[in-house]
C-alpha atoms as a PDB file:
ATOM      1  CA  MET A   1     189.188 -73.920  71.249  1.00  0.00           C
ATOM      2  CA  ALA A   2     191.633 -72.160  73.543  1.00  0.00           C
ATOM      3  CA  PHE A   3     190.210 -71.048  76.882  1.00  0.00           C
ATOM      4  CA  GLN A   4     189.680 -67.280  77.125  1.00  0.00           C
ATOM      5  CA  LEU A   5     191.535 -66.131  80.228  1.00  0.00           C
ATOM      6  CA  THR A   6     190.856 -62.752  81.833  1.00  0.00           C
ATOM      7  CA  ASP A   7     192.029 -60.676  84.783  1.00  0.00           C
ATOM      8  CA  GLN A   8     188.977 -62.051  86.611  1.00  0.00           C
ATOM      9  CA  ASN A   9     189.352 -65.804  85.934  1.00  0.00           C
ATOM     10  CA  PHE A  10     193.152 -66.243  85.706  1.00  0.00           C
ATOM     11  CA  GLN A  11     193.616 -66.910  89.430  1.00  0.00           C
ATOM     12  CA  THR A  12     190.973 -69.636  89.544  1.00  0.00           C
ATOM     13  CA  ASN A  13     191.703 -71.336  86.225  1.00  0.00           C
ATOM     14  CA  VAL A  14     195.506 -71.167  86.164  1.00  0.00           C
ATOM     15  CA  LEU A  15     197.100 -70.244  89.493  1.00  0.00           C
ATOM     16  CA  ASP A  16     194.798 -72.180  91.834  1.00  0.00           C
ATOM     17  CA  SER A  17     194.460 -75.266  89.634  1.00  0.00           C
ATOM     18  CA  GLU A  18     196.506 -78.431  89.726  1.00  0.00           C
ATOM     19  CA  GLY A  19     198.223 -79.459  86.519  1.00  0.00           C
ATOM     20  CA  VAL A  20     199.728 -77.801  83.475  1.00  0.00           C
ATOM     21  CA  ALA A  21     198.587 -74.635  81.710  1.00  0.00           C
ATOM     22  CA  MET A  22     199.924 -72.957  78.583  1.00  0.00           C
ATOM     23  CA  VAL A  23     198.962 -69.288  78.350  1.00  0.00           C
ATOM     24  CA  ASP A  24     199.344 -67.222  75.180  1.00  0.00           C
ATOM     25  CA  PHE A  25     199.538 -63.458  75.819  1.00  0.00           C
ATOM     26  CA  TRP A  26     198.465 -61.785  72.555  1.00  0.00           C
ATOM     27  CA  ALA A  27     196.710 -58.811  70.946  1.00  0.00           C
ATOM     28  CA  GLU A  28     194.545 -58.455  67.851  1.00  0.00           C
ATOM     29  CA  TRP A  29     196.907 -55.924  66.213  1.00  0.00           C
ATOM     30  CA  CYS A  30     200.038 -58.112  66.665  1.00  0.00           C
ATOM     31  CA  GLY A  31     201.199 -59.796  63.432  1.00  0.00           C
ATOM     32  CA  PRO A  32     203.304 -62.539  65.067  1.00  0.00           C
ATOM     33  CA  CYS A  33     200.388 -63.238  67.435  1.00  0.00           C
ATOM     34  CA  ARG A  34     198.184 -63.970  64.433  1.00  0.00           C
ATOM     35  CA  MET A  35     200.786 -66.492  63.251  1.00  0.00           C
ATOM     36  CA  VAL A  36     200.895 -68.255  66.635  1.00  0.00           C
ATOM     37  CA  GLY A  37     197.125 -68.086  67.268  1.00  0.00           C
ATOM     38  CA  PRO A  38     196.119 -71.026  65.035  1.00  0.00           C
ATOM     39  CA  ILE A  39     198.885 -73.145  66.580  1.00  0.00           C
ATOM     40  CA  VAL A  40     197.572 -72.400  70.073  1.00  0.00           C
ATOM     41  CA  GLU A  41     194.043 -73.331  68.933  1.00  0.00           C
ATOM     42  CA  GLU A  42     195.303 -76.673  67.523  1.00  0.00           C
ATOM     43  CA  LEU A  43     197.184 -77.425  70.741  1.00  0.00           C
ATOM     44  CA  ALA A  44     194.058 -76.636  72.783  1.00  0.00           C
ATOM     45  CA  GLY A  45     192.298 -79.486  70.991  1.00  0.00           C
ATOM     46  CA  GLU A  46     195.232 -81.877  71.098  1.00  0.00           C
ATOM     47  CA  TYR A  47     195.897 -81.378  74.811  1.00  0.00           C
ATOM     48  CA  GLU A  48     192.285 -81.279  75.983  1.00  0.00           C
ATOM     49  CA  GLY A  49     192.092 -83.215  79.246  1.00  0.00           C
ATOM     50  CA  LYS A  50     195.890 -83.071  79.669  1.00  0.00           C
ATOM     51  CA  ALA A  51     196.602 -79.343  79.935  1.00  0.00           C
ATOM     52  CA  LEU A  52     194.686 -76.068  79.939  1.00  0.00           C
ATOM     53  CA  VAL A  53     195.567 -74.086  76.828  1.00  0.00           C
ATOM     54  CA  GLY A  54     194.409 -70.503  77.127  1.00  0.00           C
ATOM     55  CA  LYS A  55     194.799 -67.025  75.702  1.00  0.00           C
ATOM     56  CA  VAL A  56     195.006 -63.618  77.377  1.00  0.00           C
ATOM     57  CA  ASP A  57     194.220 -60.531  75.291  1.00  0.00           C
ATOM     58  CA  VAL A  58     196.748 -58.068  76.759  1.00  0.00           C
ATOM     59  CA  ASP A  59     194.695 -55.021  75.725  1.00  0.00           C
ATOM     60  CA  ALA A  60     191.562 -56.244  77.491  1.00  0.00           C
ATOM     61  CA  ASN A  61     193.385 -57.706  80.527  1.00  0.00           C
ATOM     62  CA  PRO A  62     196.150 -55.327  81.624  1.00  0.00           C
ATOM     63  CA  GLU A  63     196.340 -56.515  85.256  1.00  0.00           C
ATOM     64  CA  ILE A  64     197.512 -60.062  84.559  1.00  0.00           C
ATOM     65  CA  SER A  65     199.781 -58.851  81.754  1.00  0.00           C
ATOM     66  CA  MET A  66     201.477 -56.376  84.123  1.00  0.00           C
ATOM     67  CA  LYS A  67     201.738 -58.959  86.903  1.00  0.00           C
ATOM     68  CA  TYR A  68     203.855 -61.167  84.636  1.00  0.00           C
ATOM     69  CA  GLY A  69     205.808 -58.285  83.087  1.00  0.00           C
ATOM     70  CA  ILE A  70     204.594 -58.997  79.562  1.00  0.00           C
ATOM     71  CA  ARG A  71     206.400 -56.424  77.413  1.00  0.00           C
ATOM     72  CA  SER A  72     206.656 -58.291  74.128  1.00  0.00           C
ATOM     73  CA  ILE A  73     203.960 -60.354  72.479  1.00  0.00           C
ATOM     74  CA  PRO A  74     203.325 -63.053  71.761  1.00  0.00           C
ATOM     75  CA  THR A  75     204.616 -64.391  75.059  1.00  0.00           C
ATOM     76  CA  ILE A  76     203.663 -67.924  76.013  1.00  0.00           C
ATOM     77  CA  LEU A  77     203.986 -69.050  79.615  1.00  0.00           C
ATOM     78  CA  ILE A  78     203.828 -72.678  80.664  1.00  0.00           C
ATOM     79  CA  LEU A  79     202.797 -73.158  84.273  1.00  0.00           C
ATOM     80  CA  LYS A  80     202.599 -76.251  86.437  1.00  0.00           C
ATOM     81  CA  ASN A  81     200.533 -76.101  89.616  1.00  0.00           C
ATOM     82  CA  GLY A  82     200.421 -72.303  89.309  1.00  0.00           C
ATOM     83  CA  LYS A  83     204.198 -71.781  88.913  1.00  0.00           C
ATOM     84  CA  ILE A  84     205.943 -70.700  85.706  1.00  0.00           C
ATOM     85  CA  VAL A  85     208.170 -73.520  84.452  1.00  0.00           C
ATOM     86  CA  ASP A  86     208.857 -72.350  80.880  1.00  0.00           C
ATOM     87  CA  LYS A  87     208.476 -69.257  78.719  1.00  0.00           C
ATOM     88  CA  GLN A  88     208.542 -68.486  75.001  1.00  0.00           C
ATOM     89  CA  VAL A  89     208.780 -64.890  73.770  1.00  0.00           C
ATOM     90  CA  GLY A  90     208.044 -64.310  70.090  1.00  0.00           C
ATOM     91  CA  ALA A  91     206.575 -66.488  67.370  1.00  0.00           C
ATOM     92  CA  THR A  92     207.603 -70.126  67.337  1.00  0.00           C
ATOM     93  CA  SER A  93     206.650 -73.408  65.728  1.00  0.00           C
ATOM     94  CA  LYS A  94     204.012 -75.892  66.790  1.00  0.00           C
ATOM     95  CA  ALA A  95     206.739 -78.509  67.265  1.00  0.00           C
ATOM     96  CA  ALA A  96     208.605 -76.236  69.683  1.00  0.00           C
ATOM     97  CA  LEU A  97     205.492 -75.583  71.772  1.00  0.00           C
ATOM     98  CA  LYS A  98     204.549 -79.281  71.757  1.00  0.00           C
ATOM     99  CA  GLY A  99     208.069 -80.111  72.956  1.00  0.00           C
ATOM    100  CA  LYS A 100     207.790 -77.656  75.838  1.00  0.00           C
ATOM    101  CA  LEU A 101     204.346 -78.916  76.853  1.00  0.00           C
ATOM    102  CA  ASP A 102     205.341 -82.573  76.586  1.00  0.00           C
ATOM    103  CA  ALA A 103     208.468 -81.972  78.694  1.00  0.00           C
ATOM    104  CA  VAL A 104     206.418 -80.381  81.485  1.00  0.00           C
ATOM    105  CA  LEU A 105     203.680 -83.021  81.317  1.00  0.00           C
ATOM    106  CA  SER A 106     206.174 -85.869  81.571  1.00  0.00           C
ATOM    107  CA  ALA A 107     208.208 -84.269  84.394  1.00  0.00           C
END
C-alpha cells in the first residue's frame, strides 16, 4: 500500500531520507487521480524496499502542495535524496511511471 504522506511527515520521510521517492499528489474528487491511484498502489508493492511510493491528499495537506506549486492533479514527483529529478502532470500509464522510476533507480 502506498505510504500516506502529510504536511507533518513529508520532510522526514521524503526530503530528509536517502534514496528514491515517488509522490502522487491527488484528491478524492479528481477523476484522473482515481485512474492513477491503483497504478500507484501496485507500484508501492513492486518497489517496496527499493523506493518509497507515497500519496499526498492535496485537500488535507495544503502546505506541501503549495510548496511544490501543485496546480494540476494528479501530479507525480520523483525525488532522489530529497531533490526532484522527474515530474509527471496528468494521468499516465503504469509502464511510463515504471520507466521513470527505473531510470532514477539505475542512475
